[in-house]
Amino acid sequence: MMKKNKLSLLISAVLLTQSYSAFADQPEASELVDRLYGGVHAAYINSDNDRLASDGADYDDGFGGGVEVGVRINEPLELRFSYTAMNADLQSGSDDLWINKISVDMLYFPTYQNFYFLGGINRIDYEEGEAAANLGAGYRHYFSDSLALYGEVKANYQFEDKYTDGIVRTGLVYFFGGPSEEPAPVVVEEPVAVATLSEVPKDMDNDGVIDSKDQCVATPANDEVDATGCTIVPEPVVEPEPVVEVQVEEKLPELAVEFDTNKATVKTEYLPRVEELAVFLNENPEATVKINGHTDSVGAAAYNKKLSQERADSIAALLVNEYGVNASQVTAVGYGEEQLLDTNNTAEANERNRRIEVEIKGLKK
């Protein structure tokens, strides 16, 4: 009865992990790449019915726990090493027996999210060591970018005697480190060479082009010259066609949206501003808008550019999908940290650089 209660508790933890995963605070897979993690777990093993101890007794089910370490190799793949010790009762004729299991598993996340498949090799010790392989699946729920709860089920196949054991496992893992933060580059100014009077290039006609590059050495003093020192002949002035002026009563809307760190979800408090922009575009179908996403310089440049594009896309998606703006009127571009407003490495500068800007074109004036 005690074993059944432990198994029920472990299976309930696995099912709870799977059902709660829909609400997980899932970090981006790119944020986990190259990060090491460690963890602890509880495990239950359902031994093959054909397994017998050295005294002929049948193995009962086992329950125990262990530790693990792993690393996220790339966005879909993870490598994990683990050790598990489980205490199994013998149904008759003997005392309890400890089962030791050392595993090397590869975890594959097909959608880069919580669900994963796993497969690997291991050494399982029922009185003596046996080589085996395991295959299974699991779910991982993230409490934060570093801490996660998981549950998994797998089958363990022992090659020599062809035994198949079932294993249920749940545990906690912690990812060390975080998204990389690259320090601002140190700019070293090159010393400026001071020319002596004998080294000053000559410009005989004082037109701003030195004699060695001047192809017109006697241009009048008041003439505007090109890079070759020759007089620029102005092109004939073409009178523009008359423009029909149309008064635009509406003030062009402004859009100021802030995002949480490493997130691209538009907060509810900013929806009225997005809706105001949508009303303006719907009332002016000849106008187009470009949504420009910008980040600060903290973190990797490639990650920042991807994040800024996601933020710009989230604004564009609201305009089109929620407020009925024609998709041909909207474009979204993420610039990352390419167009910083403030290059200082301060919290105020970073806050100023994290922004959304809009460019509206096509209005008749």
Protein backbone atom coordinates (compact mmCIF):
# COMPACT_ATOMS: atom_id res chain seq x y z
CA MET A 1 0.00 0.00 0.00
CA MET A 2 2.91 2.36 0.81
CA LYS A 3 4.40 1.78 -2.68
CA LYS A 4 1.05 2.47 -4.36
CA ASN A 5 0.66 5.73 -2.41
CA LYS A 6 4.15 6.85 -3.48
CA LEU A 7 3.45 5.96 -7.11
CA SER A 8 0.11 7.84 -7.05
CA LEU A 9 1.83 10.90 -5.58
CA LEU A 10 4.60 10.80 -8.23
CA ILE A 11 2.18 10.35 -11.15
CA SER A 12 0.04 13.22 -9.80
CA ALA A 13 3.14 15.45 -9.79
CA VAL A 14 3.88 14.53 -13.41
CA LEU A 15 0.29 15.22 -14.51
CA LEU A 16 0.25 18.52 -12.60
CA THR A 17 3.46 19.54 -14.38
CA GLN A 18 1.91 18.76 -17.77
CA SER A 19 -1.40 20.53 -17.09
CA TYR A 20 0.28 23.63 -15.61
CA SER A 21 2.69 23.97 -18.52
CA ALA A 22 0.09 25.88 -20.57
CA PHE A 23 0.51 28.77 -18.12
CA ALA A 24 4.32 28.56 -17.89
CA ASP A 25 6.52 31.63 -18.03
CA GLN A 26 8.45 30.03 -20.89
CA PRO A 27 11.78 31.78 -21.64
CA GLU A 28 12.97 32.07 -25.22
CA ALA A 29 14.93 28.96 -26.26
CA SER A 30 17.78 31.22 -27.40
CA GLU A 31 18.13 32.48 -23.79
CA LEU A 32 18.89 28.91 -22.57
CA VAL A 33 21.57 28.00 -25.15
CA ASP A 34 25.00 27.21 -23.57
CA ARG A 35 23.58 27.47 -20.03
CA LEU A 36 24.41 24.68 -17.55
CA TYR A 37 21.81 23.42 -15.09
CA GLY A 38 21.65 21.12 -12.08
CA GLY A 39 18.72 19.44 -10.41
CA VAL A 40 17.21 16.84 -8.10
CA HIS A 41 14.45 14.34 -8.86
CA ALA A 42 12.21 11.62 -7.44
CA ALA A 43 11.71 8.41 -9.41
CA TYR A 44 9.54 5.27 -9.48
CA ILE A 45 10.49 2.07 -11.35
CA ASN A 46 8.11 -0.69 -12.37
CA SER A 47 10.43 -3.71 -12.81
CA ASP A 48 9.92 -6.26 -15.60
CA ASN A 49 7.81 -9.19 -14.35
CA ASP A 50 10.45 -11.66 -15.60
CA ARG A 51 13.23 -10.18 -13.44
CA LEU A 52 14.30 -12.50 -10.59
CA ALA A 53 16.78 -11.94 -7.79
CA SER A 54 19.69 -14.32 -7.20
CA ASP A 55 17.58 -16.25 -4.65
CA GLY A 56 14.70 -16.62 -7.13
CA ALA A 57 12.46 -13.93 -5.61
CA ASP A 58 10.46 -11.57 -7.85
CA TYR A 59 11.33 -7.87 -7.85
CA ASP A 60 8.65 -5.51 -6.60
CA ASP A 61 8.37 -1.85 -7.66
CA GLY A 62 11.03 0.63 -6.50
CA PHE A 63 10.96 4.25 -5.35
CA GLY A 64 13.87 6.69 -4.80
CA GLY A 65 15.60 9.81 -6.09
CA GLY A 66 18.75 11.29 -7.55
CA VAL A 67 20.62 14.22 -9.03
CA GLU A 68 21.35 15.48 -12.55
CA VAL A 69 23.40 18.00 -14.55
CA GLY A 70 22.84 19.16 -18.11
CA VAL A 71 23.47 21.82 -20.75
CA ARG A 72 21.32 23.34 -23.53
CA ILE A 73 23.42 22.64 -26.68
CA ASN A 74 21.22 24.64 -29.06
CA GLU A 75 17.59 25.76 -29.22
CA PRO A 76 16.02 22.26 -29.71
CA LEU A 77 18.65 19.96 -28.06
CA GLU A 78 19.79 19.36 -24.48
CA LEU A 79 22.35 16.89 -23.04
CA ARG A 80 21.73 15.48 -19.53
CA PHE A 81 23.70 13.24 -17.11
CA SER A 82 21.87 11.76 -14.10
CA TYR A 83 22.26 9.33 -11.20
CA THR A 84 19.25 7.65 -9.53
CA ALA A 85 19.09 5.29 -6.53
CA MET A 86 15.83 3.35 -5.91
CA ASN A 87 14.90 0.88 -3.15
CA ALA A 88 12.95 -2.14 -4.42
CA ASP A 89 11.25 -4.74 -2.24
CA LEU A 90 11.56 -8.43 -3.08
CA GLN A 91 8.17 -10.11 -2.99
CA SER A 92 9.49 -13.13 -1.04
CA GLY A 93 12.60 -14.80 0.27
CA SER A 94 14.89 -11.75 0.62
CA ASP A 95 15.26 -8.20 1.95
CA ASP A 96 15.08 -4.86 0.14
CA LEU A 97 17.47 -4.22 -2.77
CA TRP A 98 18.96 -0.90 -3.93
CA ILE A 99 18.83 -0.30 -7.70
CA ASN A 100 21.43 2.16 -9.05
CA LYS A 101 20.99 3.82 -12.44
CA ILE A 102 23.46 6.09 -14.31
CA SER A 103 22.05 7.69 -17.49
CA VAL A 104 23.20 9.86 -20.40
CA ASP A 105 20.14 11.28 -22.20
CA MET A 106 19.51 13.62 -25.13
CA LEU A 107 16.37 15.80 -24.81
CA TYR A 108 14.69 17.11 -27.99
CA PHE A 109 12.24 20.06 -27.81
CA PRO A 110 10.36 19.98 -31.18
CA THR A 111 8.68 23.38 -30.67
CA TYR A 112 11.49 24.89 -28.52
CA GLN A 113 8.90 25.09 -25.72
CA ASN A 114 7.92 22.91 -22.74
CA PHE A 115 7.27 19.48 -24.33
CA TYR A 116 10.22 17.21 -25.12
CA PHE A 117 11.19 13.71 -26.21
CA LEU A 118 14.18 11.93 -24.69
CA GLY A 119 16.41 9.00 -25.49
CA GLY A 120 19.72 7.71 -24.17
CA ILE A 121 21.88 4.96 -22.78
CA ASN A 122 22.37 3.91 -19.16
CA ARG A 123 23.81 1.39 -16.75
CA ILE A 124 21.23 -0.11 -14.39
CA ASP A 125 22.37 -2.19 -11.43
CA TYR A 126 20.10 -5.06 -10.30
CA GLU A 127 22.70 -6.89 -8.13
CA GLU A 128 25.09 -6.50 -11.09
CA GLY A 129 25.51 -3.82 -13.78
CA GLU A 130 23.58 -4.08 -17.04
CA ALA A 131 23.75 -1.91 -20.19
CA ALA A 132 20.36 -0.52 -21.25
CA ALA A 133 18.64 2.12 -23.39
CA ASN A 134 15.68 4.34 -22.55
CA LEU A 135 13.09 6.27 -24.56
CA GLY A 136 10.35 8.59 -23.32
CA ALA A 137 8.74 12.03 -23.18
CA GLY A 138 8.21 14.83 -20.67
CA TYR A 139 6.99 18.34 -19.88
CA ARG A 140 8.86 21.21 -18.22
CA HIS A 141 7.19 24.14 -16.42
CA TYR A 142 9.25 27.31 -15.89
CA PHE A 143 8.69 29.37 -12.75
CA SER A 144 11.27 31.87 -14.06
CA ASP A 145 14.05 32.09 -16.66
CA SER A 146 16.18 29.87 -14.39
CA LEU A 147 13.94 27.58 -12.28
CA ALA A 148 11.75 24.82 -13.74
CA LEU A 149 9.71 21.78 -12.62
CA TYR A 150 9.48 18.76 -14.92
CA GLY A 151 7.75 15.38 -15.18
CA GLU A 152 8.54 12.53 -17.56
CA VAL A 153 7.80 8.87 -18.29
CA LYS A 154 10.12 6.48 -20.10
CA ALA A 155 10.73 2.82 -20.90
CA ASN A 156 14.08 1.21 -20.02
CA TYR A 157 15.22 -1.72 -22.19
CA GLN A 158 18.06 -3.97 -20.94
CA PHE A 159 19.93 -5.50 -23.90
CA GLU A 160 21.39 -8.75 -22.53
CA ASP A 161 18.28 -10.34 -20.95
CA LYS A 162 15.75 -8.20 -22.90
CA TYR A 163 14.03 -6.85 -19.80
CA THR A 164 11.77 -3.77 -20.11
CA ASP A 165 11.19 -1.57 -17.04
CA GLY A 166 8.89 1.48 -16.78
CA ILE A 167 10.12 4.64 -15.04
CA VAL A 168 8.19 7.73 -13.87
CA ARG A 169 10.27 10.75 -12.81
CA THR A 170 9.69 14.32 -11.62
CA GLY A 171 12.15 16.94 -10.42
CA LEU A 172 13.39 20.52 -10.19
CA VAL A 173 16.21 22.01 -12.32
CA TYR A 174 18.01 25.34 -12.06
CA PHE A 175 19.76 27.03 -15.01
CA PHE A 176 22.93 28.91 -14.10
CA GLY A 177 23.83 32.24 -15.71
CA GLY A 178 21.52 34.24 -17.98
CA PRO A 179 21.36 36.12 -21.31
CA SER A 180 24.81 37.47 -22.03
CA GLU A 181 25.46 41.15 -21.42
CA GLU A 182 28.26 42.55 -23.52
CA PRO A 183 30.07 45.58 -22.05
CA ALA A 184 30.13 48.75 -24.09
CA PRO A 185 33.28 48.89 -26.22
CA VAL A 186 36.03 51.18 -25.00
CA VAL A 187 36.85 53.77 -27.66
CA VAL A 188 40.54 54.62 -27.79
CA GLU A 189 41.17 57.85 -29.64
CA GLU A 190 44.13 57.83 -31.97
CA PRO A 191 46.60 60.69 -31.44
CA VAL A 192 46.21 63.47 -33.97
CA ALA A 193 49.33 64.21 -35.94
CA VAL A 194 50.26 67.89 -36.00
CA ALA A 195 51.48 69.04 -39.42
CA THR A 196 54.34 71.48 -39.68
CA LEU A 197 54.12 74.54 -41.91
CA SER A 198 56.17 72.81 -44.58
CA GLU A 199 53.62 69.95 -44.72
CA VAL A 200 50.50 72.11 -45.28
CA PRO A 201 49.08 71.31 -48.79
CA LYS A 202 48.95 74.29 -51.17
CA ASP A 203 45.70 75.74 -52.59
CA MET A 204 46.70 78.54 -54.97
CA ASP A 205 43.17 79.64 -55.96
CA ASN A 206 41.74 79.31 -52.42
CA ASP A 207 38.76 77.24 -53.53
CA GLY A 208 39.18 74.60 -50.80
CA VAL A 209 40.66 71.92 -53.11
CA ILE A 210 44.44 71.37 -52.78
CA ASP A 211 46.50 71.83 -55.93
CA SER A 212 47.40 68.12 -56.23
CA LYS A 213 43.67 67.34 -56.69
CA ASP A 214 42.56 70.59 -58.38
CA GLN A 215 41.72 70.10 -62.06
CA CYS A 216 40.70 73.78 -62.48
CA VAL A 217 43.50 75.77 -60.84
CA ALA A 218 42.14 79.26 -61.59
CA THR A 219 38.46 79.20 -60.61
CA PRO A 220 36.95 82.59 -59.62
CA ALA A 221 37.06 83.27 -55.90
CA ASN A 222 33.26 83.37 -55.44
CA ASP A 223 32.42 80.26 -57.49
CA GLU A 224 31.11 77.12 -55.80
CA VAL A 225 33.34 74.19 -56.82
CA ASP A 226 33.06 70.38 -56.83
CA ALA A 227 35.57 67.83 -55.48
CA THR A 228 37.84 68.37 -58.51
CA GLY A 229 38.05 72.15 -57.96
CA CYS A 230 35.90 73.05 -61.00
CA THR A 231 32.98 75.48 -61.00
CA ILE A 232 29.59 73.85 -60.40
CA VAL A 233 27.10 74.88 -63.10
CA PRO A 234 23.64 75.09 -61.51
CA GLU A 235 20.91 73.03 -63.13
CA PRO A 236 17.90 74.93 -64.53
CA VAL A 237 15.16 75.46 -61.97
CA VAL A 238 12.00 73.52 -62.80
CA GLU A 239 8.87 75.05 -61.40
CA PRO A 240 6.88 72.44 -59.45
CA GLU A 241 3.34 71.66 -60.45
CA PRO A 242 0.70 73.34 -58.29
CA VAL A 243 -0.27 71.28 -55.27
CA VAL A 244 -3.89 70.97 -54.23
CA GLU A 245 -3.92 71.61 -50.52
CA VAL A 246 -6.26 69.60 -48.32
CA GLN A 247 -6.57 70.62 -44.71
CA VAL A 248 -5.97 67.77 -42.27
CA GLU A 249 -7.76 68.62 -39.05
CA GLU A 250 -6.52 65.60 -37.07
CA LYS A 251 -3.30 65.82 -35.14
CA LEU A 252 -0.91 63.01 -36.14
CA PRO A 253 -1.03 60.42 -33.34
CA GLU A 254 2.05 59.63 -31.31
CA LEU A 255 2.81 56.17 -29.94
CA ALA A 256 4.85 55.56 -26.77
CA VAL A 257 4.82 51.90 -25.69
CA GLU A 258 7.14 50.36 -23.11
CA PHE A 259 7.81 46.63 -22.73
CA ASP A 260 8.95 44.40 -19.90
CA THR A 261 12.57 43.23 -20.09
CA ASN A 262 13.02 40.49 -22.75
CA LYS A 263 9.24 40.55 -23.54
CA ALA A 264 7.29 41.60 -26.66
CA THR A 265 3.73 41.54 -25.28
CA VAL A 266 1.84 44.87 -25.40
CA LYS A 267 0.46 45.72 -21.97
CA THR A 268 -3.25 46.49 -21.59
CA GLU A 269 -2.52 50.05 -20.46
CA TYR A 270 -1.11 50.92 -23.93
CA LEU A 271 -4.01 49.53 -25.99
CA PRO A 272 -5.89 52.90 -26.11
CA ARG A 273 -2.82 54.49 -27.78
CA VAL A 274 -2.63 51.71 -30.36
CA GLU A 275 -6.37 52.05 -30.98
CA GLU A 276 -5.97 55.83 -31.49
CA LEU A 277 -3.37 55.14 -34.20
CA ALA A 278 -5.69 52.56 -35.78
CA VAL A 279 -8.61 55.03 -35.92
CA PHE A 280 -6.38 57.57 -37.63
CA LEU A 281 -5.21 55.04 -40.27
CA ASN A 282 -8.75 53.80 -40.93
CA GLU A 283 -9.92 57.38 -41.45
CA ASN A 284 -6.94 58.09 -43.76
CA PRO A 285 -6.62 55.02 -46.04
CA GLU A 286 -4.03 56.81 -48.21
CA ALA A 287 -1.64 56.97 -45.23
CA THR A 288 0.92 54.29 -44.37
CA VAL A 289 2.71 53.69 -41.08
CA LYS A 290 6.09 52.15 -40.34
CA ILE A 291 6.53 50.70 -36.83
CA ASN A 292 10.18 50.98 -35.75
CA GLY A 293 11.35 48.84 -32.81
CA HIS A 294 14.47 49.81 -30.85
CA THR A 295 16.32 48.35 -27.83
CA ASP A 296 19.16 49.41 -25.57
CA SER A 297 22.71 48.06 -26.01
CA VAL A 298 22.54 45.59 -23.09
CA GLY A 299 22.92 41.99 -24.31
CA ALA A 300 23.90 40.42 -27.62
CA ALA A 301 23.20 42.54 -30.72
CA ALA A 302 21.57 39.64 -32.62
CA TYR A 303 19.21 38.91 -29.73
CA ASN A 304 18.35 42.61 -29.36
CA LYS A 305 17.50 42.92 -33.08
CA LYS A 306 15.25 39.84 -32.90
CA LEU A 307 13.53 41.22 -29.78
CA SER A 308 12.95 44.65 -31.37
CA GLN A 309 11.42 42.99 -34.46
CA GLU A 310 9.05 40.96 -32.26
CA ARG A 311 7.97 44.14 -30.44
CA ALA A 312 7.32 46.01 -33.69
CA ASP A 313 5.43 42.97 -35.06
CA SER A 314 3.21 42.86 -31.95
CA ILE A 315 2.10 46.49 -32.56
CA ALA A 316 1.49 45.79 -36.28
CA ALA A 317 -0.52 42.65 -35.45
CA LEU A 318 -2.79 44.63 -33.09
CA LEU A 319 -3.45 47.29 -35.76
CA VAL A 320 -4.38 44.73 -38.42
CA ASN A 321 -5.97 41.87 -36.46
CA GLU A 322 -7.70 43.74 -33.62
CA TYR A 323 -8.55 47.14 -35.11
CA GLY A 324 -9.10 46.33 -38.80
CA VAL A 325 -6.31 48.41 -40.36
CA ASN A 326 -5.51 47.34 -43.95
CA ALA A 327 -2.32 45.24 -43.85
CA SER A 328 -0.93 47.15 -46.86
CA GLN A 329 -0.81 50.29 -44.68
CA VAL A 330 1.45 48.75 -42.01
CA THR A 331 5.09 47.64 -41.97
CA ALA A 332 7.27 46.71 -38.97
CA VAL A 333 11.06 46.87 -38.72
CA GLY A 334 13.28 45.97 -35.76
CA TYR A 335 16.54 47.93 -35.51
CA GLY A 336 17.78 46.49 -32.21
CA GLU A 337 20.58 48.68 -30.84
CA GLU A 338 21.55 50.20 -34.21
CA GLN A 339 19.94 53.63 -33.62
CA LEU A 340 20.62 54.54 -29.98
CA LEU A 341 19.36 57.93 -28.81
CA ASP A 342 21.79 57.93 -25.88
CA THR A 343 25.10 56.02 -25.97
CA ASN A 344 25.78 56.40 -22.24
CA ASN A 345 25.88 53.12 -20.27
CA THR A 346 23.32 54.20 -17.62
CA ALA A 347 19.85 53.03 -16.57
CA GLU A 348 18.34 56.31 -17.80
CA ALA A 349 20.02 55.96 -21.21
CA ASN A 350 18.88 52.33 -21.54
CA GLU A 351 15.28 53.30 -20.68
CA ARG A 352 15.36 56.07 -23.31
CA ASN A 353 16.74 53.72 -25.96
CA ARG A 354 14.02 51.03 -25.42
CA ARG A 355 11.25 52.52 -27.54
CA ILE A 356 8.72 52.17 -30.37
CA GLU A 357 8.63 54.92 -33.04
CA VAL A 358 6.10 55.40 -35.83
CA GLU A 359 6.59 57.02 -39.24
CA ILE A 360 3.41 58.12 -41.06
CA LYS A 361 3.59 58.85 -44.78
CA GLY A 362 1.27 59.40 -47.72
CA LEU A 363 -0.94 62.20 -46.34
CA LYS A 364 -1.88 64.90 -48.83
CA LYS A 365 -1.05 68.42 -47.62
